[in-house]
Amino acid sequence: MNKLSNNNLDLLPNPIQLKQLCKAIATLEAILSPNWEYRYYSYNKDWAKDEECCQMRNGSGDEFFILFGKTGTLINGFAHESNFRDKAAITKGLPNEFHAFIFGEPVASTGTTFCIWNLDAENKWIANTKELKDDNSYDGSEELLELLDGNPASFCAWAEDYYELEDLNAALIKQIYKQAPITIEIVKQLNPSLDDLNQLKEDLEEIGYAYRL
């Protein structure tokens, strides 16, 4: 079965759907993990003027940043086990609109093993897969992008494994994937031990996700 990766960009949601998905995943993690340092995913709706950003870091040296900008969307990924780090080749043809982000901080210090972009005017995901060589073709995109397929079941499987949960409420995950506002009832069903609602509200404000708490 084909999986979302640098070589299967047709499985990547369009930018509008991807933004909603990233907010949903960050919201779910804010509920499941009140301690920010243990989360993989975060989202900042006020990253910069006219820019929003999603970040994933797994604590093992792998990261990605997704920029939702005024003229398009960019994904910068770094897999620490990848030997393919020729940034000039990876970003060949990258529109100028994205240069400040991908060549500036914190992306520059993080590193780049794959880069995917989509200009609003073209509405097409693009990556330089032809630049990958046979002897170092691993770029980490299949593993790092696994939750961006838009399938709630993917998140359920991942969260149950990472957070050592049993029978995570799949129906609630689907609701949040559809942008249902967060309520006390949803919070208590997903994480009965969460008691700091003020912190959760702050997290949801940063993400830009609707709530009724």
Protein backbone atom coordinates (compact mmCIF):
# COMPACT_ATOMS: atom_id res chain seq x y z
CA MET A 1 0.00 0.00 0.00
CA ASN A 2 1.32 3.41 -0.95
CA LYS A 3 2.01 5.75 1.93
CA LEU A 4 2.31 9.50 1.98
CA SER A 5 5.89 10.50 1.29
CA ASN A 6 8.05 12.71 -0.89
CA ASN A 7 7.28 10.25 -3.70
CA ASN A 8 3.52 10.08 -3.10
CA LEU A 9 2.43 13.69 -2.88
CA ASP A 10 -1.01 12.91 -4.27
CA LEU A 11 -1.83 11.58 -0.79
CA LEU A 12 -1.09 14.96 0.81
CA PRO A 13 -4.22 17.03 1.53
CA ASN A 14 -4.58 20.38 -0.19
CA PRO A 15 -3.21 23.37 1.79
CA ILE A 16 -6.56 24.37 3.30
CA GLN A 17 -7.26 20.82 4.45
CA LEU A 18 -3.68 20.45 5.67
CA LYS A 19 -3.96 23.55 7.83
CA GLN A 20 -7.14 22.24 9.46
CA LEU A 21 -5.51 18.84 9.95
CA CYS A 22 -2.42 20.32 11.60
CA LYS A 23 -4.59 22.36 13.97
CA ALA A 24 -6.63 19.25 14.82
CA ILE A 25 -3.54 17.17 15.58
CA ALA A 26 -1.99 19.91 17.71
CA THR A 27 -5.29 20.30 19.57
CA LEU A 28 -5.52 16.58 20.25
CA GLU A 29 -2.00 16.55 21.63
CA ALA A 30 -2.73 19.59 23.80
CA ILE A 31 -5.54 17.58 25.37
CA LEU A 32 -3.69 14.27 25.65
CA SER A 33 -0.44 15.82 26.87
CA PRO A 34 -0.85 18.94 29.06
CA ASN A 35 2.96 19.06 29.32
CA TRP A 36 4.13 20.69 26.09
CA GLU A 37 7.60 19.13 26.19
CA TYR A 38 6.16 15.65 25.65
CA ARG A 39 4.13 16.55 22.57
CA TYR A 40 5.21 15.87 19.02
CA TYR A 41 3.01 18.48 17.34
CA SER A 42 2.49 22.18 17.99
CA TYR A 43 0.83 24.96 16.01
CA ASN A 44 1.21 28.73 16.12
CA LYS A 45 -1.39 30.79 14.27
CA ASP A 46 0.68 33.94 14.92
CA TRP A 47 4.07 32.67 13.74
CA ALA A 48 4.71 35.92 11.85
CA LYS A 49 2.75 38.52 9.92
CA ASP A 50 0.44 36.66 7.51
CA GLU A 51 2.10 33.35 8.46
CA GLU A 52 1.10 30.33 10.54
CA CYS A 53 3.32 27.38 11.35
CA CYS A 54 3.04 23.77 12.46
CA GLN A 55 6.04 22.01 14.00
CA MET A 56 6.70 18.34 14.69
CA ARG A 57 9.64 17.12 16.74
CA ASN A 58 9.95 13.57 18.02
CA GLY A 59 12.75 14.01 20.55
CA SER A 60 15.09 11.79 18.53
CA GLY A 61 16.36 14.46 16.18
CA ASP A 62 13.64 14.36 13.54
CA GLU A 63 11.56 17.47 12.84
CA PHE A 64 9.40 19.21 10.33
CA PHE A 65 8.05 22.73 9.93
CA ILE A 66 5.01 23.55 7.83
CA LEU A 67 4.66 27.18 6.83
CA PHE A 68 1.21 28.44 5.86
CA GLY A 69 2.07 31.72 4.21
CA LYS A 70 0.38 34.49 2.30
CA THR A 71 1.15 33.00 -1.14
CA GLY A 72 1.58 29.29 -0.43
CA THR A 73 2.53 26.41 1.84
CA LEU A 74 5.93 24.85 2.48
CA ILE A 75 7.01 21.70 4.33
CA ASN A 76 10.62 21.40 5.50
CA GLY A 77 11.57 18.03 6.94
CA PHE A 78 14.71 16.75 8.61
CA ALA A 79 15.37 13.08 9.36
CA HIS A 80 18.55 12.65 11.38
CA GLU A 81 19.30 9.21 9.87
CA SER A 82 19.17 10.51 6.30
CA ASN A 83 22.45 11.03 4.46
CA PHE A 84 20.83 13.22 1.82
CA ARG A 85 21.39 16.77 3.02
CA ASP A 86 22.26 18.62 -0.17
CA LYS A 87 20.01 21.58 0.51
CA ALA A 88 20.79 23.22 -2.82
CA ALA A 89 19.53 20.13 -4.67
CA ILE A 90 16.56 19.59 -2.36
CA THR A 91 15.37 23.18 -2.77
CA LYS A 92 16.16 23.53 -6.47
CA GLY A 93 13.40 25.59 -8.08
CA LEU A 94 11.96 26.71 -4.75
CA PRO A 95 9.96 29.93 -5.30
CA ASN A 96 11.52 33.06 -3.82
CA GLU A 97 8.51 33.52 -1.55
CA PHE A 98 9.77 30.67 0.63
CA HIS A 99 13.47 31.54 0.80
CA ALA A 100 13.30 33.64 3.96
CA PHE A 101 11.63 30.78 5.80
CA ILE A 102 13.70 27.83 4.64
CA PHE A 103 17.08 29.59 4.70
CA GLY A 104 16.38 31.52 7.90
CA GLU A 105 16.05 30.40 11.50
CA PRO A 106 15.01 28.08 13.02
CA VAL A 107 14.79 25.99 9.83
CA ALA A 108 18.41 26.61 8.81
CA SER A 109 19.75 25.20 12.08
CA THR A 110 17.32 22.27 12.02
CA GLY A 111 18.45 21.05 8.60
CA THR A 112 16.68 19.78 5.49
CA THR A 113 16.35 16.28 4.05
CA PHE A 114 13.16 16.95 2.12
CA CYS A 115 11.24 20.02 1.01
CA ILE A 116 7.72 20.17 -0.42
CA TRP A 117 5.90 23.29 -1.52
CA ASN A 118 2.62 24.46 -2.99
CA LEU A 119 2.02 27.92 -4.42
CA ASP A 120 -1.59 29.06 -4.11
CA ALA A 121 -1.55 30.22 -7.73
CA GLU A 122 -0.58 26.74 -8.95
CA ASN A 123 -2.25 24.52 -6.31
CA LYS A 124 0.18 21.65 -6.81
CA TRP A 125 2.56 19.94 -4.39
CA ILE A 126 6.13 19.90 -5.71
CA ALA A 127 9.32 18.20 -4.49
CA ASN A 128 12.67 17.47 -6.09
CA THR A 129 12.53 13.67 -5.87
CA LYS A 130 14.72 13.31 -8.96
CA GLU A 131 17.59 14.77 -6.97
CA LEU A 132 17.66 11.75 -4.67
CA LYS A 133 20.33 9.22 -5.52
CA ASP A 134 19.89 5.46 -5.27
CA ASP A 135 22.55 5.05 -2.59
CA ASN A 136 21.10 7.66 -0.23
CA SER A 137 17.44 7.87 -1.18
CA TYR A 138 16.11 7.77 2.38
CA ASP A 139 14.82 11.22 3.29
CA GLY A 140 12.54 10.33 6.22
CA SER A 141 9.41 11.75 4.63
CA GLU A 142 7.35 8.56 4.90
CA GLU A 143 7.86 8.36 8.66
CA LEU A 144 7.69 12.07 9.43
CA LEU A 145 4.55 12.74 7.38
CA GLU A 146 2.61 9.65 8.50
CA LEU A 147 -0.14 11.58 10.31
CA LEU A 148 -0.73 14.05 7.50
CA ASP A 149 -2.76 11.62 5.39
CA GLY A 150 -5.96 13.04 6.88
CA ASN A 151 -7.11 9.70 8.26
CA PRO A 152 -8.25 9.83 11.93
CA ALA A 153 -7.35 6.15 12.27
CA SER A 154 -3.70 7.07 11.67
CA PHE A 155 -3.76 9.40 14.67
CA CYS A 156 -5.57 6.85 16.84
CA ALA A 157 -2.96 4.18 16.13
CA TRP A 158 -0.08 6.58 16.70
CA ALA A 159 -1.46 8.11 19.92
CA GLU A 160 -2.38 4.76 21.44
CA ASP A 161 1.18 3.61 20.88
CA TYR A 162 2.99 6.78 21.93
CA TYR A 163 0.81 7.64 24.93
CA GLU A 164 0.21 3.97 25.84
CA LEU A 165 -3.55 4.36 25.63
CA GLU A 166 -6.23 1.75 25.08
CA ASP A 167 -9.35 2.24 22.99
CA LEU A 168 -8.90 5.94 22.22
CA ASN A 169 -12.31 7.33 21.26
CA ALA A 170 -12.12 7.22 17.46
CA ALA A 171 -15.46 9.00 17.06
CA LEU A 172 -14.18 12.02 18.97
CA ILE A 173 -10.98 12.06 16.91
CA LYS A 174 -13.12 12.22 13.77
CA GLN A 175 -15.13 15.11 15.21
CA ILE A 176 -11.98 17.10 15.93
CA TYR A 177 -10.62 16.29 12.47
CA LYS A 178 -13.83 17.97 11.26
CA GLN A 179 -13.08 21.01 13.46
CA ALA A 180 -15.73 20.40 16.13
CA PRO A 181 -15.27 22.96 18.96
CA ILE A 182 -13.59 21.60 22.08
CA THR A 183 -15.94 21.22 25.05
CA ILE A 184 -15.55 19.96 28.61
CA GLU A 185 -17.23 16.73 27.58
CA ILE A 186 -14.73 16.12 24.79
CA VAL A 187 -11.79 16.89 27.08
CA LYS A 188 -12.98 14.56 29.82
CA GLN A 189 -13.57 11.71 27.39
CA LEU A 190 -10.14 12.04 25.82
CA ASN A 191 -8.19 12.81 29.00
CA PRO A 192 -10.12 12.47 32.28
CA SER A 193 -7.04 13.55 34.27
CA LEU A 194 -6.65 16.93 32.59
CA ASP A 195 -7.53 19.59 35.16
CA ASP A 196 -5.78 22.77 34.00
CA LEU A 197 -8.36 24.21 31.64
CA ASN A 198 -6.72 27.62 31.66
CA GLN A 199 -3.56 26.16 30.18
CA LEU A 200 -5.61 24.28 27.60
CA LYS A 201 -7.39 27.50 26.65
CA GLU A 202 -4.02 29.19 26.15
CA ASP A 203 -2.89 26.31 23.95
CA LEU A 204 -6.07 26.44 21.88
CA GLU A 205 -5.73 30.21 21.48
CA GLU A 206 -2.19 29.76 20.17
CA ILE A 207 -3.35 27.04 17.79
CA GLY A 208 -6.39 28.99 16.68
CA TYR A 209 -8.84 26.17 17.39
CA ALA A 210 -12.41 26.85 18.50
CA TYR A 211 -13.51 25.89 22.02
CA ARG A 212 -16.40 26.25 24.47
CA LEU A 213 -14.78 25.69 27.84
